Amino acid sequence: MRRDLRSLLACPACHGDLSGWRDDRDDCELRCVACAASYPVRDGIPILLPPDFDATHVHDELDHAHDAHKRRQASYFDHDVAEAFEIARPHGAPEAYRWILEEKFRRSVSRLPDLRGATVVDACAGSGMDAEMLERAGAAVIAVDIAEGCARRARERAKRRSLDYLVVVGDVERLPMKARAVDVAYVHDGLHHLDDPLSGVRELARVARRGVSINEPADALATRIGVRVGLAIAYEGAGNRVARLRAADVERELRAHGFDAESARYLAYYRHEPGAFMRAASLPVAMTAYRTAVRGANAAVGRWGNKLQVTALRRAA
């Protein structure tokens, strides 16, 4: 499957075809047949970053010319994470933690076309958690992340879990594929790392043939209050401001690119790494109460919640 998915990739600079794939070795060089830009494949992972990235730093930092923000982001996720946890997450975590992430994924795909047999790009894929869920739902997945460290962890996850998604290093603002290359473009908690999240929305719309699923922190009153009282954060460990999205802005961009878009807000609160609360909520009696409480809260006030889910389907020509 990975070999078939390679045909969907393209030069991030001009979207031309790529030549030079080698099945007999993990390291090679790809070349764009249109603009002649070259891209390395390292340990089987295509490094499809735009040519204006600084190639001398690409392995450790993915340094973008004049873009310290992306440099900090990629460097952080290359080095400053709990590697074993990221590769396994949510496997091995408390049941309540696994359930809330599975519930978020269920929401993210509930209004998409059937994923069985669909091609999906998982943008800002991190260490492959969502790519795994998408593949288990029946999709053929290309997992794209700007950090080579993330890509390596995602590939290790695939090996451990006998998965077959394709891992690529690439920039969500300049995805390495042609227009309408995949059936579905998907992102979960990735666009909020960007200086301009809507640039990522536009790229997702460009490469999607049928549907787009965007799942990000919402610009919500509840979140603003949460930041003030310490229940939510304004800046992440990678140094980025958490760019919380407004449904109207995302829907407007998607509609401008030929999609009908629907959004929903909901409540979901958890730390990135589970702590004492999630362990306590996972106890047999507490687990039932936890699920009931989360579902009840969403039924009552979810429309004002801290999470935003947007599904867009391309309009018929």
Protein backbone atom coordinates (compact mmCIF):
# COMPACT_ATOMS: atom_id res chain seq x y z
CA MET A 1 0.00 0.00 0.00
CA ARG A 2 2.81 2.43 0.84
CA ARG A 3 4.20 2.00 -2.67
CA ASP A 4 0.81 2.85 -4.19
CA LEU A 5 0.44 5.93 -1.98
CA ARG A 6 3.75 7.32 -3.21
CA SER A 7 2.10 8.10 -6.55
CA LEU A 8 -0.07 10.68 -4.75
CA LEU A 9 2.95 12.69 -3.61
CA ALA A 10 4.26 15.69 -5.53
CA CYS A 11 6.86 18.42 -5.36
CA PRO A 12 5.88 20.88 -2.60
CA ALA A 13 7.22 23.78 -4.69
CA CYS A 14 5.37 23.30 -8.00
CA HIS A 15 3.29 20.12 -7.46
CA GLY A 16 5.13 18.34 -10.26
CA ASP A 17 5.63 14.57 -10.37
CA LEU A 18 8.52 13.02 -8.46
CA SER A 19 10.97 10.54 -9.94
CA GLY A 20 13.77 8.50 -8.42
CA TRP A 21 11.92 6.15 -6.08
CA ARG A 22 13.99 3.08 -5.16
CA ASP A 23 12.45 -0.05 -3.71
CA ASP A 24 15.83 -1.70 -3.10
CA ARG A 25 17.21 0.90 -0.69
CA ASP A 26 16.02 3.22 2.09
CA ASP A 27 18.13 6.22 1.07
CA CYS A 28 17.82 7.88 -2.32
CA GLU A 29 17.08 11.24 -3.92
CA LEU A 30 13.82 12.27 -5.55
CA ARG A 31 13.67 14.86 -8.29
CA CYS A 32 10.75 16.91 -9.55
CA VAL A 33 10.29 16.30 -13.28
CA ALA A 34 8.86 19.82 -13.69
CA CYS A 35 11.16 22.18 -11.72
CA ALA A 36 14.12 19.82 -11.04
CA ALA A 37 14.04 20.43 -7.27
CA SER A 38 15.54 17.50 -5.35
CA TYR A 39 14.40 15.90 -2.11
CA PRO A 40 16.13 13.24 0.02
CA VAL A 41 14.62 9.99 1.21
CA ARG A 42 16.23 9.06 4.53
CA ASP A 43 15.69 5.68 6.11
CA GLY A 44 12.68 5.24 3.86
CA ILE A 45 11.05 8.57 4.81
CA PRO A 46 10.62 11.13 2.00
CA ILE A 47 11.68 14.61 3.17
CA LEU A 48 9.34 16.71 1.04
CA LEU A 49 9.89 20.16 2.46
CA PRO A 50 9.84 23.24 0.22
CA PRO A 51 13.23 24.15 -1.27
CA ASP A 52 13.42 27.34 0.83
CA PHE A 53 13.88 25.25 3.94
CA ASP A 54 17.51 25.16 5.05
CA ALA A 55 18.62 21.67 4.05
CA THR A 56 21.72 21.85 6.27
CA HIS A 57 19.46 21.78 9.33
CA VAL A 58 16.69 19.58 8.01
CA HIS A 59 17.55 16.48 10.04
CA ASP A 60 17.61 18.12 13.46
CA GLU A 61 15.54 21.27 13.15
CA LEU A 62 13.83 21.47 9.75
CA ASP A 63 14.93 25.09 9.76
CA HIS A 64 12.75 27.30 7.58
CA ALA A 65 14.38 30.37 6.03
CA HIS A 66 13.33 33.46 8.00
CA ASP A 67 10.83 31.41 9.99
CA ALA A 68 11.95 30.90 13.59
CA HIS A 69 8.46 29.79 14.60
CA LYS A 70 8.55 26.66 12.43
CA ARG A 71 12.13 25.99 13.46
CA ARG A 72 11.17 25.98 17.13
CA GLN A 73 8.15 23.80 16.50
CA ALA A 74 9.98 21.16 14.50
CA SER A 75 12.97 21.13 16.83
CA TYR A 76 10.75 20.66 19.86
CA PHE A 77 8.89 17.72 18.38
CA ASP A 78 12.14 16.23 17.12
CA HIS A 79 13.69 16.10 20.58
CA ASP A 80 11.68 17.31 23.57
CA VAL A 81 8.91 14.74 23.88
CA ALA A 82 8.35 11.51 25.78
CA GLU A 83 9.21 9.21 22.88
CA ALA A 84 7.92 5.93 24.29
CA PHE A 85 4.60 7.49 25.27
CA GLU A 86 4.15 9.23 21.91
CA ILE A 87 4.78 6.04 19.94
CA ALA A 88 2.32 4.03 22.05
CA ARG A 89 -0.37 6.65 22.81
CA PRO A 90 -3.19 5.89 23.61
CA HIS A 91 -2.27 2.21 24.03
CA GLY A 92 -1.27 1.45 27.58
CA ALA A 93 -2.92 4.61 28.93
CA PRO A 94 -5.79 4.56 31.46
CA GLU A 95 -9.15 3.56 30.02
CA ALA A 96 -10.72 7.01 30.51
CA TYR A 97 -7.89 8.60 28.52
CA ARG A 98 -8.27 6.08 25.70
CA TRP A 99 -12.03 6.57 25.66
CA ILE A 100 -11.91 10.38 25.38
CA LEU A 101 -9.48 10.18 22.44
CA GLU A 102 -11.57 7.51 20.74
CA GLU A 103 -14.65 9.69 21.31
CA LYS A 104 -12.89 12.64 19.67
CA PHE A 105 -11.96 10.46 16.70
CA ARG A 106 -15.52 9.18 16.38
CA ARG A 107 -16.78 12.75 16.19
CA SER A 108 -14.13 13.66 13.63
CA VAL A 109 -15.20 11.03 11.10
CA SER A 110 -18.92 10.64 11.84
CA ARG A 111 -20.04 12.93 8.99
CA LEU A 112 -17.40 11.91 6.45
CA PRO A 113 -18.05 9.45 3.62
CA ASP A 114 -17.21 5.82 4.36
CA LEU A 115 -13.46 5.64 4.96
CA ARG A 116 -13.16 2.03 3.80
CA GLY A 117 -10.93 2.16 0.75
CA ALA A 118 -10.57 5.96 0.88
CA THR A 119 -7.22 7.73 0.59
CA VAL A 120 -6.56 10.15 3.46
CA VAL A 121 -3.81 12.62 4.23
CA ASP A 122 -3.34 13.01 7.98
CA ALA A 123 -1.74 16.45 8.24
CA CYS A 124 0.30 17.42 11.32
CA ALA A 125 0.25 13.70 12.03
CA GLY A 126 2.60 13.76 14.99
CA SER A 127 3.61 10.29 16.08
CA GLY A 128 0.88 8.55 14.13
CA MET A 129 -1.98 8.11 16.60
CA ASP A 130 -4.64 9.41 14.22
CA ALA A 131 -3.03 7.73 11.23
CA GLU A 132 -3.45 4.44 13.10
CA MET A 133 -7.11 5.16 13.87
CA LEU A 134 -7.77 6.18 10.26
CA GLU A 135 -6.15 3.03 8.90
CA ARG A 136 -8.09 0.84 11.33
CA ALA A 137 -11.24 2.55 10.00
CA GLY A 138 -10.32 1.25 6.55
CA ALA A 139 -8.45 4.18 4.98
CA ALA A 140 -5.16 4.20 3.08
CA VAL A 141 -3.24 6.92 4.92
CA ILE A 142 -0.40 9.34 4.20
CA ALA A 143 0.87 10.73 7.52
CA VAL A 144 2.57 14.12 7.05
CA ASP A 145 4.42 16.07 9.73
CA ILE A 146 7.03 18.84 9.59
CA ALA A 147 9.24 17.24 12.26
CA GLU A 148 11.43 14.35 11.21
CA GLY A 149 11.40 13.12 14.79
CA CYS A 150 7.61 12.78 14.61
CA ALA A 151 7.88 10.97 11.29
CA ARG A 152 10.32 8.47 12.74
CA ARG A 153 8.08 7.83 15.72
CA ALA A 154 5.06 7.41 13.44
CA ARG A 155 6.99 4.88 11.38
CA GLU A 156 8.01 3.01 14.53
CA ARG A 157 4.35 2.92 15.61
CA ALA A 158 3.45 1.43 12.23
CA LYS A 159 6.08 -1.28 12.63
CA ARG A 160 4.96 -2.19 16.13
CA ARG A 161 1.25 -2.23 15.23
CA SER A 162 1.60 -3.90 11.80
CA LEU A 163 0.20 -0.85 10.03
CA ASP A 164 0.87 0.19 6.44
CA TYR A 165 0.45 3.97 6.29
CA LEU A 166 3.04 6.07 4.45
CA VAL A 167 5.07 8.52 6.55
CA VAL A 168 6.27 11.78 4.96
CA VAL A 169 8.05 14.86 6.30
CA GLY A 170 6.17 17.86 4.91
CA ASP A 171 4.64 21.22 5.74
CA VAL A 172 0.85 21.48 6.15
CA GLU A 173 1.02 24.97 4.63
CA ARG A 174 2.62 23.52 1.46
CA LEU A 175 1.49 19.92 1.30
CA PRO A 176 3.55 17.74 -1.07
CA MET A 177 0.69 16.58 -3.29
CA LYS A 178 -1.34 17.73 -6.24
CA ALA A 179 -4.79 19.29 -6.09
CA ARG A 180 -7.50 16.76 -5.17
CA ALA A 181 -4.91 14.03 -4.74
CA VAL A 182 -6.69 12.29 -1.84
CA ASP A 183 -10.29 11.56 -0.95
CA VAL A 184 -10.11 13.14 2.50
CA ALA A 185 -7.83 15.66 4.20
CA TYR A 186 -7.74 15.29 7.99
CA VAL A 187 -6.15 17.19 10.85
CA HIS A 188 -6.44 16.78 14.62
CA ASP A 189 -4.85 19.32 16.96
CA GLY A 190 -2.27 20.46 14.42
CA LEU A 191 -3.36 23.77 12.89
CA HIS A 192 -3.29 25.55 16.24
CA HIS A 193 0.52 25.37 16.08
CA LEU A 194 0.59 27.66 13.04
CA ASP A 195 0.98 31.41 12.94
CA ASP A 196 -1.86 31.40 10.39
CA PRO A 197 -4.06 28.31 10.84
CA LEU A 198 -6.28 29.30 7.91
CA SER A 199 -3.34 28.79 5.55
CA GLY A 200 -3.44 25.15 6.61
CA VAL A 201 -7.20 25.03 6.04
CA ARG A 202 -6.68 26.25 2.48
CA GLU A 203 -4.10 23.55 1.79
CA LEU A 204 -6.34 20.82 3.18
CA ALA A 205 -9.12 22.04 0.88
CA ARG A 206 -6.76 22.11 -2.10
CA VAL A 207 -5.67 18.47 -1.82
CA ALA A 208 -9.05 16.93 -0.84
CA ARG A 209 -11.26 15.43 -3.51
CA ARG A 210 -14.28 14.58 -1.37
CA GLY A 211 -14.04 15.75 2.23
CA VAL A 212 -12.14 17.61 4.92
CA SER A 213 -12.17 17.01 8.69
CA ILE A 214 -10.69 19.70 10.96
CA ASN A 215 -10.53 19.17 14.70
CA GLU A 216 -8.93 21.94 16.73
CA PRO A 217 -9.25 24.01 19.92
CA ALA A 218 -12.16 26.45 19.63
CA ASP A 219 -12.07 30.16 20.27
CA ALA A 220 -14.49 29.78 23.17
CA LEU A 221 -15.45 31.78 26.24
CA ALA A 222 -15.01 28.62 28.31
CA THR A 223 -11.42 28.32 27.12
CA ARG A 224 -10.61 31.95 27.81
CA ILE A 225 -11.89 31.48 31.34
CA GLY A 226 -9.94 28.23 31.57
CA VAL A 227 -6.70 30.01 30.64
CA ARG A 228 -7.30 32.59 33.36
CA VAL A 229 -7.84 29.98 36.08
CA GLY A 230 -5.10 27.64 34.89
CA LEU A 231 -7.23 24.84 33.44
CA ALA A 232 -6.17 25.65 29.88
CA ILE A 233 -2.94 26.99 28.42
CA ALA A 234 -2.20 29.97 26.22
CA TYR A 235 1.22 28.67 25.11
CA GLU A 236 2.40 25.09 24.59
CA GLY A 237 5.71 23.52 25.48
CA ALA A 238 6.90 24.00 21.90
CA GLY A 239 6.63 27.76 22.44
CA ASN A 240 3.67 28.39 20.17
CA ARG A 241 0.60 30.36 21.08
CA VAL A 242 -2.40 28.04 20.98
CA ALA A 243 -4.26 29.48 18.00
CA ARG A 244 -7.88 28.72 18.76
CA LEU A 245 -10.15 28.67 15.71
CA ARG A 246 -13.55 30.19 15.02
CA ALA A 247 -16.06 28.07 13.13
CA ALA A 248 -17.15 30.94 10.91
CA ASP A 249 -13.57 31.55 9.70
CA VAL A 250 -12.92 27.89 8.91
CA GLU A 251 -16.27 27.40 7.20
CA ARG A 252 -15.73 30.51 5.07
CA GLU A 253 -12.39 29.24 3.78
CA LEU A 254 -13.78 25.80 2.98
CA ARG A 255 -16.81 27.19 1.17
CA ALA A 256 -14.57 29.43 -0.90
CA HIS A 257 -12.82 26.28 -2.11
CA GLY A 258 -15.98 24.48 -3.20
CA PHE A 259 -17.09 22.70 -0.03
CA ASP A 260 -20.25 22.67 2.02
CA ALA A 261 -19.12 22.89 5.63
CA GLU A 262 -20.76 22.12 8.97
CA SER A 263 -19.27 22.73 12.38
CA ALA A 264 -19.98 21.63 15.91
CA ARG A 265 -18.56 22.49 19.31
CA TYR A 266 -18.16 20.08 22.19
CA LEU A 267 -16.49 19.71 25.56
CA ALA A 268 -13.38 17.61 26.05
CA TYR A 269 -10.79 18.16 28.74
CA TYR A 270 -7.67 16.07 29.32
CA ARG A 271 -3.96 16.56 29.79
CA HIS A 272 -1.69 15.43 26.96
CA GLU A 273 -0.19 12.84 29.28
CA PRO A 274 -2.73 11.21 31.63
CA GLY A 275 -2.36 11.87 35.32
CA ALA A 276 -4.04 10.94 38.58
CA PHE A 277 -7.51 12.07 37.48
CA MET A 278 -7.55 9.82 34.42
CA ARG A 279 -6.30 6.89 36.47
CA ALA A 280 -9.03 7.46 39.05
CA ALA A 281 -11.71 7.90 36.36
CA SER A 282 -10.65 4.57 34.85
CA LEU A 283 -11.56 2.55 37.93
CA PRO A 284 -14.48 0.16 37.16
CA VAL A 285 -17.29 2.10 38.86
CA ALA A 286 -15.81 5.52 38.10
CA MET A 287 -15.46 4.78 34.38
CA THR A 288 -19.22 4.50 33.89
CA ALA A 289 -19.76 7.72 35.80
CA TYR A 290 -17.05 9.48 33.78
CA ARG A 291 -18.60 8.53 30.42
CA THR A 292 -22.04 9.54 31.64
CA ALA A 293 -20.76 12.88 32.93
CA VAL A 294 -18.94 13.74 29.68
CA ARG A 295 -21.93 12.81 27.53
CA GLY A 296 -24.33 14.66 29.83
CA ALA A 297 -22.22 17.79 29.82
CA ASN A 298 -22.05 17.76 26.04
CA ALA A 299 -25.80 17.26 25.73
CA ALA A 300 -26.38 20.24 28.01
CA VAL A 301 -23.69 22.78 27.09
CA GLY A 302 -21.51 21.17 24.42
CA ARG A 303 -22.51 23.76 21.84
CA TRP A 304 -20.39 26.26 23.78
CA GLY A 305 -17.55 23.80 24.30
CA ASN A 306 -13.78 24.18 23.96
CA LYS A 307 -13.34 21.90 20.95
CA LEU A 308 -14.26 22.63 17.34
CA GLN A 309 -15.08 19.97 14.77
CA VAL A 310 -15.63 20.99 11.14
CA THR A 311 -16.60 18.56 8.39
CA ALA A 312 -16.72 19.72 4.78
CA LEU A 313 -17.92 17.82 1.71
CA ARG A 314 -17.08 19.00 -1.78
CA ARG A 315 -20.06 20.31 -3.74
CA ALA A 316 -21.04 18.45 -6.88
CA ALA A 317 -19.76 20.10 -10.05
